[in-house]
Amino acid sequence: MDIKAFKMDGLGNDFVIIDQRSQNYNLSKDQIIKICGRDFIGCDQLIFIKNSGKKDAELEFYNSDGSISGACGNGTRCVAELLSKESDDKEIILWTSSGTLKSKILGNNLVETEIGVAKTNWDEIPLKKDLNTKNLNIKIISKNNNEHIGGTSINVGNPHVVFFIDDIEDYDLKKIGPEIENHNYFPEKCNVTLAKVINRNLIKVKVWERGAGLTKACGTAACATVVAANINGLTDKQADVEFALGKLTISIDKDNSIHMKGPVSDIKNIEIKI
């Protein structure tokens, strides 16, 4: 099977995008895993664009382990840029399993997407039981055997837990990430972010994504981090979240809806033989 597809990324968080609107490709879980594998095409998530009756298109997200992802902020921004090039519209509305996402095309490869209102109740995240989502009292241990106890949990289309620590380099996220992702508090697993607040407008982060592992950037994690920082009184309603390859600007409006603005890559046409 030959599949025409696109490759894009947002700050290194990369995607293979397959347009299903004119031709439907039925891919098995094993084929999705193969496409995402770094020894084949390689990506953090695979995205299907599907026809939608009311919106510009419907999106389906798959993690690199073949599991379904509820939302993907950077992926949504990439697809919005792609569809804008096709239609010349500067506003793109995409339907996902976690809601309708509206994106503004700002030019110069800059896209802003409204993610919606974060969920902070224990059963919306979801957690296994009624816990204080501001502080889950989860213990993580640094490379120097220092303990940190905390974890603020947020759902922004996916479940997230954010740890605010003094130095994100002090912790081995490759070890901590899968432990927390599979913690028994999270029946649907979770994304894990280590965050260092630089000032009230800047946070540095590292992210372990549920079903994908260490990623260079994660849009929903950036959103969850700013919401969590705001809840804990650490930042204002707008802050930049800095990843290894750049920043996303996250702002929370008067209706508590989250907006994510940042760069997307150029569009690369690829062909997948599978």
Protein backbone atom coordinates (compact mmCIF):
# COMPACT_ATOMS: atom_id res chain seq x y z
CA MET A 1 0.00 0.00 0.00
CA ASP A 2 1.33 3.44 -1.01
CA ILE A 3 0.08 6.30 1.14
CA LYS A 4 0.59 9.96 0.32
CA ALA A 5 1.10 11.82 3.60
CA PHE A 6 2.62 14.91 5.20
CA LYS A 7 5.31 15.37 7.82
CA MET A 8 5.18 18.41 10.12
CA ASP A 9 6.29 19.41 13.58
CA GLY A 10 5.71 22.02 16.25
CA LEU A 11 8.98 22.75 18.08
CA GLY A 12 10.26 19.27 17.22
CA ASN A 13 7.06 17.51 18.36
CA ASP A 14 6.58 15.70 15.05
CA PHE A 15 3.66 14.18 13.19
CA VAL A 16 2.81 12.08 10.19
CA ILE A 17 -0.49 13.41 8.81
CA ILE A 18 -2.62 11.21 6.56
CA ASP A 19 -5.56 12.76 4.68
CA GLN A 20 -8.48 10.32 4.75
CA ARG A 21 -11.02 12.68 3.15
CA SER A 22 -10.66 11.45 -0.44
CA GLN A 23 -9.18 8.01 0.17
CA ASN A 24 -9.76 5.89 3.24
CA TYR A 25 -6.71 3.94 4.42
CA ASN A 26 -7.45 1.22 6.94
CA LEU A 27 -4.32 0.88 9.03
CA SER A 28 -3.87 -1.73 11.73
CA LYS A 29 -2.35 -0.90 15.11
CA ASP A 30 0.85 -2.66 14.03
CA GLN A 31 1.04 -0.53 10.87
CA ILE A 32 0.54 2.66 12.92
CA ILE A 33 3.35 1.59 15.27
CA LYS A 34 5.58 0.85 12.25
CA ILE A 35 4.97 4.28 10.68
CA CYS A 36 5.69 6.02 14.00
CA GLY A 37 8.88 3.99 14.56
CA ARG A 38 12.10 5.99 14.28
CA ASP A 39 13.64 3.22 12.19
CA PHE A 40 10.89 3.74 9.54
CA ILE A 41 9.20 7.16 9.03
CA GLY A 42 9.22 8.24 12.68
CA CYS A 43 6.90 10.56 14.61
CA ASP A 44 5.46 11.23 18.06
CA GLN A 45 1.88 10.97 16.78
CA LEU A 46 0.05 9.86 13.65
CA ILE A 47 -2.88 12.08 12.65
CA PHE A 48 -5.80 11.17 10.39
CA ILE A 49 -7.75 14.00 8.73
CA LYS A 50 -11.35 12.88 8.14
CA ASN A 51 -14.42 14.46 6.57
CA SER A 52 -16.66 16.34 8.97
CA GLY A 53 -20.23 17.45 8.30
CA LYS A 54 -20.05 20.73 10.17
CA LYS A 55 -16.40 21.65 10.72
CA ASP A 56 -13.43 21.96 8.38
CA ALA A 57 -12.36 18.42 9.26
CA GLU A 58 -12.32 15.79 11.97
CA LEU A 59 -9.02 14.62 13.48
CA GLU A 60 -7.99 11.30 14.96
CA PHE A 61 -4.72 11.07 16.91
CA TYR A 62 -2.64 7.96 17.54
CA ASN A 63 0.40 7.79 19.82
CA SER A 64 3.58 6.08 18.68
CA ASP A 65 2.63 2.95 20.67
CA GLY A 66 -0.57 2.66 18.59
CA SER A 67 -2.90 3.89 21.35
CA ILE A 68 -5.52 6.59 20.71
CA SER A 69 -4.78 10.10 22.00
CA GLY A 70 -7.65 12.37 22.99
CA ALA A 71 -6.00 15.62 21.97
CA CYS A 72 -2.82 16.98 20.51
CA GLY A 73 -2.30 20.73 20.60
CA ASN A 74 0.77 20.96 18.38
CA GLY A 75 -0.72 18.43 15.95
CA THR A 76 -3.91 20.47 15.72
CA ARG A 77 -1.91 23.61 14.97
CA CYS A 78 0.02 21.77 12.24
CA VAL A 79 -3.16 20.48 10.57
CA ALA A 80 -4.74 23.96 10.79
CA GLU A 81 -1.74 25.38 8.89
CA LEU A 82 -2.00 22.57 6.32
CA LEU A 83 -5.75 23.09 5.71
CA SER A 84 -5.30 26.87 5.60
CA LYS A 85 -2.82 26.45 2.74
CA GLU A 86 -5.46 24.35 0.95
CA SER A 87 -8.43 26.68 1.49
CA ASP A 88 -6.73 30.05 2.13
CA ASP A 89 -8.96 30.44 5.21
CA LYS A 90 -7.34 32.16 8.18
CA GLU A 91 -9.63 30.45 10.68
CA ILE A 92 -9.79 26.66 10.78
CA ILE A 93 -12.22 24.68 12.96
CA LEU A 94 -11.32 21.07 13.69
CA TRP A 95 -13.38 18.47 15.52
CA THR A 96 -11.60 16.08 17.90
CA SER A 97 -12.82 13.50 20.41
CA SER A 98 -12.11 16.02 23.18
CA GLY A 99 -14.01 18.89 21.55
CA THR A 100 -14.02 21.47 18.77
CA LEU A 101 -10.76 23.37 18.34
CA LYS A 102 -10.63 26.74 16.61
CA SER A 103 -7.30 27.89 15.14
CA LYS A 104 -6.19 31.27 13.81
CA ILE A 105 -3.53 31.35 11.10
CA LEU A 106 -1.30 34.33 11.97
CA GLY A 107 1.18 34.03 9.10
CA ASN A 108 4.93 33.28 9.09
CA ASN A 109 4.22 29.70 10.25
CA LEU A 110 2.58 30.98 13.45
CA VAL A 111 -0.72 29.39 14.55
CA GLU A 112 -2.90 30.00 17.62
CA THR A 113 -5.37 27.35 18.76
CA GLU A 114 -8.07 27.69 21.40
CA ILE A 115 -7.90 24.51 23.49
CA GLY A 116 -10.90 25.23 25.75
CA VAL A 117 -11.41 25.19 29.51
CA ALA A 118 -9.22 22.92 31.62
CA LYS A 119 -10.83 20.28 33.83
CA THR A 120 -9.57 20.02 37.40
CA ASN A 121 -12.11 17.80 39.16
CA TRP A 122 -10.73 14.37 40.11
CA ASP A 123 -13.37 12.45 38.12
CA GLU A 124 -12.82 14.56 34.97
CA ILE A 125 -9.07 13.92 34.80
CA PRO A 126 -9.84 11.03 35.60
CA LEU A 127 -8.30 9.85 38.86
CA LYS A 128 -9.02 6.52 40.51
CA LYS A 129 -10.49 8.21 43.60
CA ASP A 130 -11.35 11.61 45.04
CA LEU A 131 -7.99 13.30 45.60
CA ASN A 132 -6.77 16.89 45.89
CA THR A 133 -5.84 17.57 42.25
CA LYS A 134 -3.80 20.66 43.24
CA ASN A 135 -1.39 18.38 45.13
CA LEU A 136 -1.54 14.62 44.55
CA ASN A 137 1.32 14.07 47.04
CA ILE A 138 3.20 11.85 44.58
CA LYS A 139 6.86 11.35 45.46
CA ILE A 140 9.56 11.66 42.82
CA ILE A 141 13.27 11.21 43.54
CA SER A 142 16.10 13.20 41.95
CA LYS A 143 19.37 11.81 40.59
CA ASN A 144 20.91 12.88 43.93
CA ASN A 145 18.23 11.00 45.90
CA ASN A 146 16.42 14.17 46.94
CA GLU A 147 12.67 13.73 47.37
CA HIS A 148 10.05 16.02 45.90
CA ILE A 149 6.40 15.50 46.83
CA GLY A 150 3.67 17.13 44.76
CA GLY A 151 1.97 16.92 41.39
CA THR A 152 -0.90 19.10 40.13
CA SER A 153 -3.30 17.25 37.86
CA ILE A 154 -5.17 18.85 34.93
CA ASN A 155 -7.13 17.52 31.95
CA VAL A 156 -6.83 19.54 28.72
CA GLY A 157 -8.06 16.81 26.37
CA ASN A 158 -5.54 14.42 27.94
CA PRO A 159 -4.75 13.76 31.61
CA HIS A 160 -1.62 15.58 32.81
CA VAL A 161 0.34 15.84 36.03
CA VAL A 162 2.80 18.71 36.54
CA PHE A 163 5.63 18.80 39.08
CA PHE A 164 7.12 22.22 39.90
CA ILE A 165 10.76 21.68 40.82
CA ASP A 166 13.92 23.76 41.23
CA ASP A 167 15.90 22.14 38.41
CA ILE A 168 14.40 19.92 35.70
CA GLU A 169 17.86 18.52 34.92
CA ASP A 170 18.07 17.03 38.43
CA TYR A 171 15.47 14.39 37.57
CA ASP A 172 15.67 11.47 35.16
CA LEU A 173 12.38 11.84 33.28
CA LYS A 174 13.10 8.70 31.25
CA LYS A 175 12.81 6.78 34.53
CA ILE A 176 10.17 8.89 36.32
CA GLY A 177 7.93 9.33 33.25
CA PRO A 178 6.77 5.72 32.78
CA GLU A 179 6.41 5.23 36.54
CA ILE A 180 4.02 8.18 36.89
CA GLU A 181 2.29 7.51 33.54
CA ASN A 182 1.31 4.09 34.87
CA HIS A 183 0.66 5.18 38.49
CA ASN A 184 -2.47 3.57 39.90
CA TYR A 185 -4.04 7.02 40.47
CA PHE A 186 -4.52 7.33 36.69
CA PRO A 187 -6.86 4.70 35.18
CA GLU A 188 -6.31 6.19 31.68
CA LYS A 189 -2.59 6.85 32.31
CA CYS A 190 -1.22 10.40 32.11
CA ASN A 191 1.31 12.81 30.62
CA VAL A 192 4.08 13.89 33.00
CA THR A 193 5.69 17.34 33.04
CA LEU A 194 8.66 18.57 35.06
CA ALA A 195 8.47 22.36 35.26
CA LYS A 196 10.77 25.09 36.55
CA VAL A 197 9.24 28.54 36.97
CA ILE A 198 11.82 31.09 35.78
CA ASN A 199 9.55 34.09 36.45
CA ARG A 200 5.82 34.88 36.33
CA ASN A 201 5.88 34.85 32.51
CA LEU A 202 8.27 31.98 31.75
CA ILE A 203 8.38 28.27 32.62
CA LYS A 204 10.94 25.72 31.41
CA VAL A 205 9.65 22.17 30.98
CA LYS A 206 10.44 18.60 30.04
CA VAL A 207 7.61 16.27 29.04
CA TRP A 208 6.94 12.55 29.05
CA GLU A 209 3.89 11.86 26.87
CA ARG A 210 1.45 9.06 27.55
CA GLY A 211 1.92 6.48 24.81
CA ALA A 212 4.81 8.34 23.16
CA GLY A 213 7.55 8.75 25.76
CA LEU A 214 9.99 11.66 25.87
CA THR A 215 9.00 14.32 23.35
CA LYS A 216 10.74 17.54 22.30
CA ALA A 217 7.51 19.48 22.90
CA CYS A 218 3.87 18.92 23.83
CA GLY A 219 1.14 21.50 23.32
CA THR A 220 -1.39 20.17 25.81
CA ALA A 221 1.39 19.80 28.42
CA ALA A 222 2.25 23.48 27.92
CA CYS A 223 -1.41 24.37 28.49
CA ALA A 224 -1.66 22.13 31.57
CA THR A 225 1.56 23.61 32.97
CA VAL A 226 0.34 27.22 32.80
CA VAL A 227 -3.06 26.28 34.28
CA ALA A 228 -1.31 24.38 37.08
CA ALA A 229 1.11 27.28 37.67
CA ASN A 230 -1.83 29.70 37.81
CA ILE A 231 -3.69 27.48 40.30
CA ASN A 232 -0.57 27.43 42.48
CA GLY A 233 -0.09 31.21 42.21
CA LEU A 234 3.23 30.87 40.36
CA THR A 235 2.42 32.70 37.12
CA ASP A 236 0.00 35.16 35.61
CA LYS A 237 -2.75 34.30 33.10
CA GLN A 238 -0.22 34.39 30.27
CA ALA A 239 3.17 32.72 30.20
CA ASP A 240 5.69 31.31 27.77
CA VAL A 241 6.51 27.62 28.10
CA GLU A 242 10.02 26.84 26.93
CA PHE A 243 10.98 23.51 25.38
CA ALA A 244 14.37 22.47 24.00
CA LEU A 245 13.66 23.99 20.55
CA GLY A 246 11.57 27.03 21.41
CA LYS A 247 8.54 28.44 23.19
CA LEU A 248 4.75 28.27 23.14
CA THR A 249 2.76 31.22 24.48
CA ILE A 250 -0.16 30.08 26.63
CA SER A 251 -2.88 32.49 27.74
CA ILE A 252 -6.06 31.98 29.75
CA ASP A 253 -8.88 34.33 28.77
CA LYS A 254 -11.64 35.86 30.91
CA ASP A 255 -13.82 32.78 30.31
CA ASN A 256 -10.95 30.51 31.47
CA SER A 257 -10.46 29.17 27.94
CA ILE A 258 -6.85 28.35 27.06
CA HIS A 259 -5.14 29.69 23.93
CA MET A 260 -1.87 28.26 22.62
CA LYS A 261 0.28 30.20 20.14
CA GLY A 262 3.49 29.01 18.55
CA PRO A 263 5.39 28.08 15.40
CA VAL A 264 4.79 25.14 13.08
CA SER A 265 7.21 23.74 10.54
CA ASP A 266 6.94 23.88 6.78
CA ILE A 267 4.87 21.07 5.21
CA LYS A 268 6.80 18.14 3.82
CA ASN A 269 5.13 15.77 1.34
CA ILE A 270 6.06 12.15 1.94
CA GLU A 271 5.06 8.75 0.54
CA ILE A 272 4.68 5.75 2.83
CA LYS A 273 5.06 2.26 1.41
CA ILE A 274 3.57 -0.20 3.88
